[in-house]
C-alpha atoms as a PDB file:
ATOM      1  CA  MET A   1     -59.945 -78.161  71.151  1.00  0.00           C
ATOM      2  CA  ALA A   2     -63.646 -77.077  70.286  1.00  0.00           C
ATOM      3  CA  ASP A   3     -64.087 -76.230  74.017  1.00  0.00           C
ATOM      4  CA  GLU A   4     -61.143 -73.899  74.204  1.00  0.00           C
ATOM      5  CA  LYS A   5     -61.971 -70.320  74.252  1.00  0.00           C
ATOM      6  CA  ASN A   6     -60.780 -68.100  71.253  1.00  0.00           C
ATOM      7  CA  PRO A   7     -57.655 -66.006  72.173  1.00  0.00           C
ATOM      8  CA  VAL A   8     -57.951 -62.254  72.721  1.00  0.00           C
ATOM      9  CA  TRP A   9     -56.595 -59.469  70.371  1.00  0.00           C
ATOM     10  CA  LYS A  10     -55.712 -56.173  71.967  1.00  0.00           C
ATOM     11  CA  PRO A  11     -53.956 -53.388  70.156  1.00  0.00           C
ATOM     12  CA  LYS A  12     -51.342 -53.033  72.943  1.00  0.00           C
ATOM     13  CA  ASP A  13     -50.038 -56.532  71.986  1.00  0.00           C
ATOM     14  CA  MET A  14     -49.029 -55.352  68.462  1.00  0.00           C
ATOM     15  CA  ASP A  15     -45.510 -55.327  67.223  1.00  0.00           C
ATOM     16  CA  GLU A  16     -44.238 -52.078  65.715  1.00  0.00           C
ATOM     17  CA  ASN A  17     -44.600 -51.628  61.989  1.00  0.00           C
ATOM     18  CA  LYS A  18     -46.605 -54.920  61.676  1.00  0.00           C
ATOM     19  CA  PRO A  19     -50.120 -54.325  60.437  1.00  0.00           C
ATOM     20  CA  VAL A  20     -52.800 -56.495  61.641  1.00  0.00           C
ATOM     21  CA  MET A  21     -55.964 -57.139  59.405  1.00  0.00           C
ATOM     22  CA  MET A  22     -59.054 -57.521  61.655  1.00  0.00           C
ATOM     23  CA  GLU A  23     -62.553 -58.440  60.370  1.00  0.00           C
ATOM     24  CA  PHE A  24     -65.654 -58.356  62.762  1.00  0.00           C
ATOM     25  CA  THR A  25     -68.019 -61.204  62.353  1.00  0.00           C
ATOM     26  CA  GLN A  26     -71.044 -59.056  63.964  1.00  0.00           C
ATOM     27  CA  MET A  27     -71.602 -55.447  64.803  1.00  0.00           C
ATOM     28  CA  GLU A  28     -72.846 -56.201  68.255  1.00  0.00           C
ATOM     29  CA  PRO A  29     -70.707 -57.123  71.156  1.00  0.00           C
ATOM     30  CA  THR A  30     -71.126 -60.661  72.617  1.00  0.00           C
ATOM     31  CA  ALA A  31     -70.514 -59.135  76.234  1.00  0.00           C
ATOM     32  CA  GLU A  32     -69.948 -55.661  77.655  1.00  0.00           C
ATOM     33  CA  GLY A  33     -69.706 -54.080  81.129  1.00  0.00           C
ATOM     34  CA  ASP A  34     -67.985 -51.432  83.226  1.00  0.00           C
ATOM     35  CA  GLY A  35     -64.714 -51.957  85.055  1.00  0.00           C
ATOM     36  CA  GLN A  36     -62.051 -49.976  86.910  1.00  0.00           C
ATOM     37  CA  TYR A  37     -60.855 -48.280  83.584  1.00  0.00           C
ATOM     38  CA  GLY A  38     -64.353 -47.455  82.097  1.00  0.00           C
ATOM     39  CA  HIS A  39     -66.678 -49.456  79.688  1.00  0.00           C
ATOM     40  CA  TRP A  40     -65.456 -52.432  77.843  1.00  0.00           C
ATOM     41  CA  GLU A  41     -66.982 -54.583  75.065  1.00  0.00           C
ATOM     42  CA  LEU A  42     -65.978 -58.014  73.572  1.00  0.00           C
ATOM     43  CA  TYR A  43     -66.562 -58.634  69.883  1.00  0.00           C
ATOM     44  CA  PRO A  44     -65.801 -61.762  67.714  1.00  0.00           C
ATOM     45  CA  VAL A  45     -63.272 -61.073  65.020  1.00  0.00           C
ATOM     46  CA  VAL A  46     -60.988 -62.847  62.584  1.00  0.00           C
ATOM     47  CA  VAL A  47     -57.450 -61.634  62.659  1.00  0.00           C
ATOM     48  CA  THR A  48     -54.483 -62.284  60.302  1.00  0.00           C
ATOM     49  CA  ALA A  49     -50.871 -62.150  61.518  1.00  0.00           C
ATOM     50  CA  ALA A  50     -51.858 -60.854  65.035  1.00  0.00           C
ATOM     51  CA  ASN A  51     -50.319 -61.211  68.584  1.00  0.00           C
ATOM     52  CA  VAL A  52     -53.038 -62.578  70.683  1.00  0.00           C
ATOM     53  CA  THR A  53     -53.215 -63.877  74.294  1.00  0.00           C
ATOM     54  CA  ASP A  54     -54.778 -67.297  75.014  1.00  0.00           C
ATOM     55  CA  SER A  55     -56.944 -68.124  78.119  1.00  0.00           C
ATOM     56  CA  ASN A  56     -53.827 -68.781  80.217  1.00  0.00           C
ATOM     57  CA  LYS A  57     -52.471 -65.117  79.630  1.00  0.00           C
ATOM     58  CA  GLN A  58     -49.866 -66.556  77.203  1.00  0.00           C
ATOM     59  CA  LEU A  59     -48.927 -64.537  74.177  1.00  0.00           C
ATOM     60  CA  ILE A  60     -49.350 -66.344  70.813  1.00  0.00           C
ATOM     61  CA  PRO A  61     -47.504 -64.574  68.087  1.00  0.00           C
ATOM     62  CA  ASN A  62     -48.459 -64.217  64.437  1.00  0.00           C
ATOM     63  CA  TYR A  63     -51.850 -65.854  65.012  1.00  0.00           C
ATOM     64  CA  SER A  64     -54.494 -66.042  62.271  1.00  0.00           C
ATOM     65  CA  GLY A  65     -57.934 -67.043  62.975  1.00  0.00           C
ATOM     66  CA  GLU A  66     -60.834 -66.528  65.310  1.00  0.00           C
ATOM     67  CA  ALA A  67     -60.278 -64.305  68.166  1.00  0.00           C
ATOM     68  CA  ILE A  68     -62.079 -61.900  70.466  1.00  0.00           C
ATOM     69  CA  PHE A  69     -61.472 -58.114  70.308  1.00  0.00           C
ATOM     70  CA  PHE A  70     -61.349 -56.404  73.576  1.00  0.00           C
ATOM     71  CA  GLY A  71     -62.944 -52.907  73.083  1.00  0.00           C
ATOM     72  CA  GLY A  72     -61.795 -50.947  76.020  1.00  0.00           C
ATOM     73  CA  SER A  73     -61.374 -47.328  76.772  1.00  0.00           C
ATOM     74  CA  SER A  74     -58.022 -46.921  74.839  1.00  0.00           C
ATOM     75  CA  LYS A  75     -58.106 -44.326  71.907  1.00  0.00           C
ATOM     76  CA  ILE A  76     -57.735 -46.937  69.176  1.00  0.00           C
ATOM     77  CA  SER A  77     -60.170 -49.410  70.785  1.00  0.00           C
ATOM     78  CA  THR A  78     -62.767 -46.478  71.111  1.00  0.00           C
ATOM     79  CA  LYS A  79     -61.963 -45.409  67.507  1.00  0.00           C
ATOM     80  CA  ILE A  80     -62.472 -49.132  65.983  1.00  0.00           C
ATOM     81  CA  VAL A  81     -65.777 -49.423  67.867  1.00  0.00           C
ATOM     82  CA  LYS A  82     -66.863 -46.046  66.703  1.00  0.00           C
ATOM     83  CA  TYR A  83     -66.295 -46.948  62.962  1.00  0.00           C
ATOM     84  CA  LEU A  84     -67.784 -50.465  63.458  1.00  0.00           C
ATOM     85  CA  LYS A  85     -71.003 -48.793  64.587  1.00  0.00           C
ATOM     86  CA  THR A  86     -71.096 -46.976  61.157  1.00  0.00           C
ATOM     87  CA  GLY A  87     -70.908 -50.272  59.362  1.00  0.00           C
ATOM     88  CA  VAL A  88     -67.062 -50.642  58.647  1.00  0.00           C
ATOM     89  CA  MET A  89     -66.403 -54.447  59.338  1.00  0.00           C
ATOM     90  CA  SER A  90     -62.682 -54.811  58.378  1.00  0.00           C
ATOM     91  CA  PHE A  91     -59.909 -52.901  59.445  1.00  0.00           C
ATOM     92  CA  LEU A  92     -55.951 -52.684  59.000  1.00  0.00           C
ATOM     93  CA  VAL A  93     -54.517 -51.525  62.272  1.00  0.00           C
ATOM     94  CA  ASP A  94     -50.858 -50.363  62.325  1.00  0.00           C
ATOM     95  CA  MET A  95     -48.756 -49.224  65.134  1.00  0.00           C
ATOM     96  CA  HIS A  96     -45.648 -46.877  64.818  1.00  0.00           C
ATOM     97  CA  PRO A  97     -43.464 -45.904  67.829  1.00  0.00           C
ATOM     98  CA  THR A  98     -43.507 -42.067  67.913  1.00  0.00           C
ATOM     99  CA  LYS A  99     -41.314 -39.805  70.211  1.00  0.00           C
ATOM    100  CA  ASN A 100     -43.196 -37.154  72.384  1.00  0.00           C
ATOM    101  CA  LYS A 101     -41.724 -33.658  73.328  1.00  0.00           C
ATOM    102  CA  LYS A 102     -39.937 -35.216  76.304  1.00  0.00           C
ATOM    103  CA  GLY A 103     -38.323 -37.938  74.180  1.00  0.00           C
ATOM    104  CA  SER A 104     -40.288 -40.866  75.469  1.00  0.00           C
ATOM    105  CA  TYR A 105     -41.913 -43.297  72.989  1.00  0.00           C
ATOM    106  CA  TYR A 106     -45.522 -43.958  72.703  1.00  0.00           C
ATOM    107  CA  PRO A 107     -47.553 -46.165  70.290  1.00  0.00           C
ATOM    108  CA  LEU A 108     -49.352 -44.166  67.487  1.00  0.00           C
ATOM    109  CA  TYR A 109     -51.882 -46.350  65.917  1.00  0.00           C
ATOM    110  CA  VAL A 110     -53.020 -45.956  62.148  1.00  0.00           C
ATOM    111  CA  LEU A 111     -56.429 -47.230  61.359  1.00  0.00           C
ATOM    112  CA  LYS A 112     -57.415 -48.106  57.779  1.00  0.00           C
ATOM    113  CA  THR A 113     -60.342 -49.770  56.079  1.00  0.00           C
ATOM    114  CA  ALA A 114     -59.574 -53.116  54.388  1.00  0.00           C
ATOM    115  CA  ASP A 115     -59.424 -51.013  51.072  1.00  0.00           C
ATOM    116  CA  GLY A 116     -56.546 -48.971  52.467  1.00  0.00           C
ATOM    117  CA  GLU A 117     -58.483 -45.681  53.237  1.00  0.00           C
ATOM    118  CA  GLU A 118     -57.192 -44.174  56.434  1.00  0.00           C
ATOM    119  CA  LEU A 119     -59.850 -43.388  58.968  1.00  0.00           C
ATOM    120  CA  ALA A 120     -59.409 -40.075  61.122  1.00  0.00           C
END
């Protein structure tokens, strides 16, 4: 078991209205690079009640433990990394489906500190 890689947590894997607590274990990424969709960074985190993906691309629901945060180019990932750089190490991330003007649903992410303060 010790040889297995930690699963990856991505905001897009969240269930609606089911907040995930995420705590960074360091402020600097363990890896970073540039890909087809822009810059990305990997950070070690500890998550609580999160959907994560293992190294075989299988979804593990309601996982709590060590994981890797994929900080890609999505708005929520960019926002999390921005606040991490200011010293905020723990986040509560929530996702609510929201309807746009055309009637389609999209995820609206709400980001809070561990103390419950909403981050703009």
